[in-house]
Amino acid sequence: QVQLVESGGGLVQPGGSLSLSCAASGRVFQIYAMGWDRQVPGAQRELAARITRDDRIDYLDSVKGRFTISRDNAKNTVYLQMNSLKPEDTAIYYCYVIVYGGETYWGQGTQVTVSS
C-alpha cells in the first residue's frame, strides 16, 4: 500500500500561480511514477503531468510551458508548480503513484479554482 497526502490548491486569479505537493508513504521503494491528473465535474479525468523514476516527464499539451512537475526522491514527494493559470485549469487535481507491477494509488484530490 501507498498512502498519499496532498497539499496546496485553492483560489487564484487568472495569470496567477499555485503550487501543489503530494507526499507518499508506505511502499515508496516500489514507486515507478508519480503525477497529477485533473478532473472537471462531468468530464473524464485527464493527465496533467507525470514524472517517472528515471525522470521521464509527460505533460498535457495545454499546460506545457506553464506547469512544472518535479519530485524529491529523498522525501518521496512530487510537486506541481502551476504558473499563468487560466480559468480552464479549474479542476480537482488528484495526485497518484504507479508502483512496479502497475498498481495505482490515488490521493484525495485538491480543488484548484482560477477565477477573477
C-alpha atoms as a PDB file:
ATOM      1  CA  GLN A   1       0.000   0.000   0.000  1.00  0.00           C
ATOM      2  CA  VAL A   2       0.998   3.583  -0.645  1.00  0.00           C
ATOM      3  CA  GLN A   3      -0.584   6.487   1.184  1.00  0.00           C
ATOM      4  CA  LEU A   4      -0.661   9.951  -0.351  1.00  0.00           C
ATOM      5  CA  VAL A   5      -1.170  13.298   1.349  1.00  0.00           C
ATOM      6  CA  GLU A   6      -1.789  16.282  -0.884  1.00  0.00           C
ATOM      7  CA  SER A   7      -1.444  19.944  -0.065  1.00  0.00           C
ATOM      8  CA  GLY A   8      -1.820  23.209  -1.917  1.00  0.00           C
ATOM      9  CA  GLY A   9      -4.547  24.280  -4.257  1.00  0.00           C
ATOM     10  CA  GLY A  10      -7.135  26.959  -3.662  1.00  0.00           C
ATOM     11  CA  LEU A  11      -8.432  30.026  -5.437  1.00  0.00           C
ATOM     12  CA  VAL A  12      -6.278  32.196  -7.681  1.00  0.00           C
ATOM     13  CA  GLN A  13      -6.900  34.876 -10.254  1.00  0.00           C
ATOM     14  CA  PRO A  14      -6.177  34.249 -13.941  1.00  0.00           C
ATOM     15  CA  GLY A  15      -2.484  34.647 -14.615  1.00  0.00           C
ATOM     16  CA  GLY A  16      -1.594  33.675 -11.068  1.00  0.00           C
ATOM     17  CA  SER A  17       0.359  30.736  -9.691  1.00  0.00           C
ATOM     18  CA  LEU A  18      -0.273  27.849  -7.351  1.00  0.00           C
ATOM     19  CA  SER A  19       1.845  25.002  -6.106  1.00  0.00           C
ATOM     20  CA  LEU A  20       0.695  21.505  -5.233  1.00  0.00           C
ATOM     21  CA  SER A  21       2.614  18.893  -3.320  1.00  0.00           C
ATOM     22  CA  CYS A  22       1.988  15.235  -2.618  1.00  0.00           C
ATOM     23  CA  ALA A  23       3.898  13.164  -0.088  1.00  0.00           C
ATOM     24  CA  ALA A  24       3.934   9.383  -0.333  1.00  0.00           C
ATOM     25  CA  SER A  25       4.446   6.881   2.452  1.00  0.00           C
ATOM     26  CA  GLY A  26       4.318   3.109   2.706  1.00  0.00           C
ATOM     27  CA  ARG A  27       5.732   1.058  -0.177  1.00  0.00           C
ATOM     28  CA  VAL A  28       7.630   4.021  -1.568  1.00  0.00           C
ATOM     29  CA  PHE A  29      10.553   1.886  -2.720  1.00  0.00           C
ATOM     30  CA  GLN A  30       8.227   0.364  -5.312  1.00  0.00           C
ATOM     31  CA  ILE A  31       7.129   3.658  -6.868  1.00  0.00           C
ATOM     32  CA  TYR A  32       7.805   3.886 -10.586  1.00  0.00           C
ATOM     33  CA  ALA A  33       5.971   7.108 -11.434  1.00  0.00           C
ATOM     34  CA  MET A  34       4.264   9.986  -9.673  1.00  0.00           C
ATOM     35  CA  GLY A  35       1.924  12.501 -11.181  1.00  0.00           C
ATOM     36  CA  TRP A  36      -1.188  14.591 -11.210  1.00  0.00           C
ATOM     37  CA  ASP A  37      -4.442  14.057 -13.040  1.00  0.00           C
ATOM     38  CA  ARG A  38      -7.260  16.551 -13.054  1.00  0.00           C
ATOM     39  CA  GLN A  39     -10.990  16.303 -13.441  1.00  0.00           C
ATOM     40  CA  VAL A  40     -13.804  18.724 -14.068  1.00  0.00           C
ATOM     41  CA  PRO A  41     -17.250  17.533 -12.923  1.00  0.00           C
ATOM     42  CA  GLY A  42     -18.962  15.737 -15.783  1.00  0.00           C
ATOM     43  CA  ALA A  43     -15.757  15.234 -17.730  1.00  0.00           C
ATOM     44  CA  GLN A  44     -13.169  12.490 -17.898  1.00  0.00           C
ATOM     45  CA  ARG A  45     -10.106  12.620 -15.729  1.00  0.00           C
ATOM     46  CA  GLU A  46      -7.055  13.678 -17.728  1.00  0.00           C
ATOM     47  CA  LEU A  47      -3.322  13.554 -17.209  1.00  0.00           C
ATOM     48  CA  ALA A  48      -1.893  16.913 -16.197  1.00  0.00           C
ATOM     49  CA  ALA A  49       1.699  15.875 -15.584  1.00  0.00           C
ATOM     50  CA  ARG A  50       3.688  12.764 -14.731  1.00  0.00           C
ATOM     51  CA  ILE A  51       7.299  12.032 -13.851  1.00  0.00           C
ATOM     52  CA  THR A  52       8.908   8.619 -13.749  1.00  0.00           C
ATOM     53  CA  ARG A  53      11.702   7.346 -11.545  1.00  0.00           C
ATOM     54  CA  ASP A  54      14.135   7.848 -14.431  1.00  0.00           C
ATOM     55  CA  ASP A  55      12.859  11.438 -14.844  1.00  0.00           C
ATOM     56  CA  ARG A  56      10.826  10.981 -17.967  1.00  0.00           C
ATOM     57  CA  ILE A  57       8.177  13.715 -17.919  1.00  0.00           C
ATOM     58  CA  ASP A  58       4.857  13.998 -19.712  1.00  0.00           C
ATOM     59  CA  TYR A  59       2.514  16.983 -19.760  1.00  0.00           C
ATOM     60  CA  LEU A  60      -0.956  17.624 -21.029  1.00  0.00           C
ATOM     61  CA  ASP A  61      -0.473  19.725 -24.162  1.00  0.00           C
ATOM     62  CA  SER A  62      -2.497  22.627 -22.798  1.00  0.00           C
ATOM     63  CA  VAL A  63      -0.259  23.011 -19.719  1.00  0.00           C
ATOM     64  CA  LYS A  64       3.138  22.728 -21.425  1.00  0.00           C
ATOM     65  CA  GLY A  65       5.261  25.768 -20.699  1.00  0.00           C
ATOM     66  CA  ARG A  66       3.078  26.739 -17.733  1.00  0.00           C
ATOM     67  CA  PHE A  67       3.206  23.748 -15.381  1.00  0.00           C
ATOM     68  CA  THR A  68       6.343  22.147 -13.992  1.00  0.00           C
ATOM     69  CA  ILE A  69       6.397  18.784 -12.266  1.00  0.00           C
ATOM     70  CA  SER A  70       9.276  17.728 -10.063  1.00  0.00           C
ATOM     71  CA  ARG A  71       9.993  15.129  -7.430  1.00  0.00           C
ATOM     72  CA  ASP A  72      12.160  14.828  -4.360  1.00  0.00           C
ATOM     73  CA  ASN A  73      13.062  11.160  -4.037  1.00  0.00           C
ATOM     74  CA  ALA A  74      14.506  11.619  -0.569  1.00  0.00           C
ATOM     75  CA  LYS A  75      11.159  12.979   0.645  1.00  0.00           C
ATOM     76  CA  ASN A  76       9.035  10.772  -1.640  1.00  0.00           C
ATOM     77  CA  THR A  77       7.223  13.910  -2.674  1.00  0.00           C
ATOM     78  CA  VAL A  78       6.036  15.181  -6.030  1.00  0.00           C
ATOM     79  CA  TYR A  79       5.361  18.832  -6.755  1.00  0.00           C
ATOM     80  CA  LEU A  80       3.363  20.642  -9.397  1.00  0.00           C
ATOM     81  CA  GLN A  81       4.153  24.291  -9.949  1.00  0.00           C
ATOM     82  CA  MET A  82       1.384  25.927 -11.941  1.00  0.00           C
ATOM     83  CA  ASN A  83       2.018  29.328 -13.483  1.00  0.00           C
ATOM     84  CA  SER A  84      -0.005  31.549 -15.809  1.00  0.00           C
ATOM     85  CA  LEU A  85      -3.148  29.811 -14.672  1.00  0.00           C
ATOM     86  CA  LYS A  86      -6.262  30.018 -16.815  1.00  0.00           C
ATOM     87  CA  PRO A  87      -9.932  29.541 -15.916  1.00  0.00           C
ATOM     88  CA  GLU A  88      -9.875  26.290 -17.895  1.00  0.00           C
ATOM     89  CA  ASP A  89      -7.323  24.916 -15.435  1.00  0.00           C
ATOM     90  CA  THR A  90     -10.067  24.868 -12.818  1.00  0.00           C
ATOM     91  CA  ALA A  91     -10.485  21.274 -11.697  1.00  0.00           C
ATOM     92  CA  ILE A  92      -9.905  18.840  -8.895  1.00  0.00           C
ATOM     93  CA  TYR A  93      -6.291  17.744  -9.055  1.00  0.00           C
ATOM     94  CA  TYR A  94      -5.505  14.200  -7.964  1.00  0.00           C
ATOM     95  CA  CYS A  95      -2.053  13.017  -7.069  1.00  0.00           C
ATOM     96  CA  TYR A  96      -1.225   9.426  -7.925  1.00  0.00           C
ATOM     97  CA  VAL A  97       1.639   6.969  -7.902  1.00  0.00           C
ATOM     98  CA  ILE A  98       2.232   3.910 -10.023  1.00  0.00           C
ATOM     99  CA  VAL A  99       4.229   1.106  -8.497  1.00  0.00           C
ATOM    100  CA  TYR A 100       6.197  -1.534 -10.341  1.00  0.00           C
ATOM    101  CA  GLY A 101       3.608  -4.095 -11.348  1.00  0.00           C
ATOM    102  CA  GLY A 102       1.158  -1.431 -12.468  1.00  0.00           C
ATOM    103  CA  GLU A 103      -0.952  -0.780  -9.386  1.00  0.00           C
ATOM    104  CA  THR A 104      -2.041   2.843  -8.980  1.00  0.00           C
ATOM    105  CA  TYR A 105      -2.751   4.691  -5.753  1.00  0.00           C
ATOM    106  CA  TRP A 106      -4.641   7.991  -5.589  1.00  0.00           C
ATOM    107  CA  GLY A 107      -4.710  10.979  -3.283  1.00  0.00           C
ATOM    108  CA  GLN A 108      -7.925  12.522  -2.038  1.00  0.00           C
ATOM    109  CA  GLY A 109      -7.883  15.367  -4.543  1.00  0.00           C
ATOM    110  CA  THR A 110      -7.464  19.098  -4.087  1.00  0.00           C
ATOM    111  CA  GLN A 111      -9.549  21.833  -5.675  1.00  0.00           C
ATOM    112  CA  VAL A 112      -7.896  24.406  -7.913  1.00  0.00           C
ATOM    113  CA  THR A 113     -10.108  27.307  -8.934  1.00  0.00           C
ATOM    114  CA  VAL A 114      -8.961  30.004 -11.343  1.00  0.00           C
ATOM    115  CA  SER A 115     -11.365  32.904 -11.331  1.00  0.00           C
ATOM    116  CA  SER A 116     -11.452  36.661 -11.083  1.00  0.00           C
END
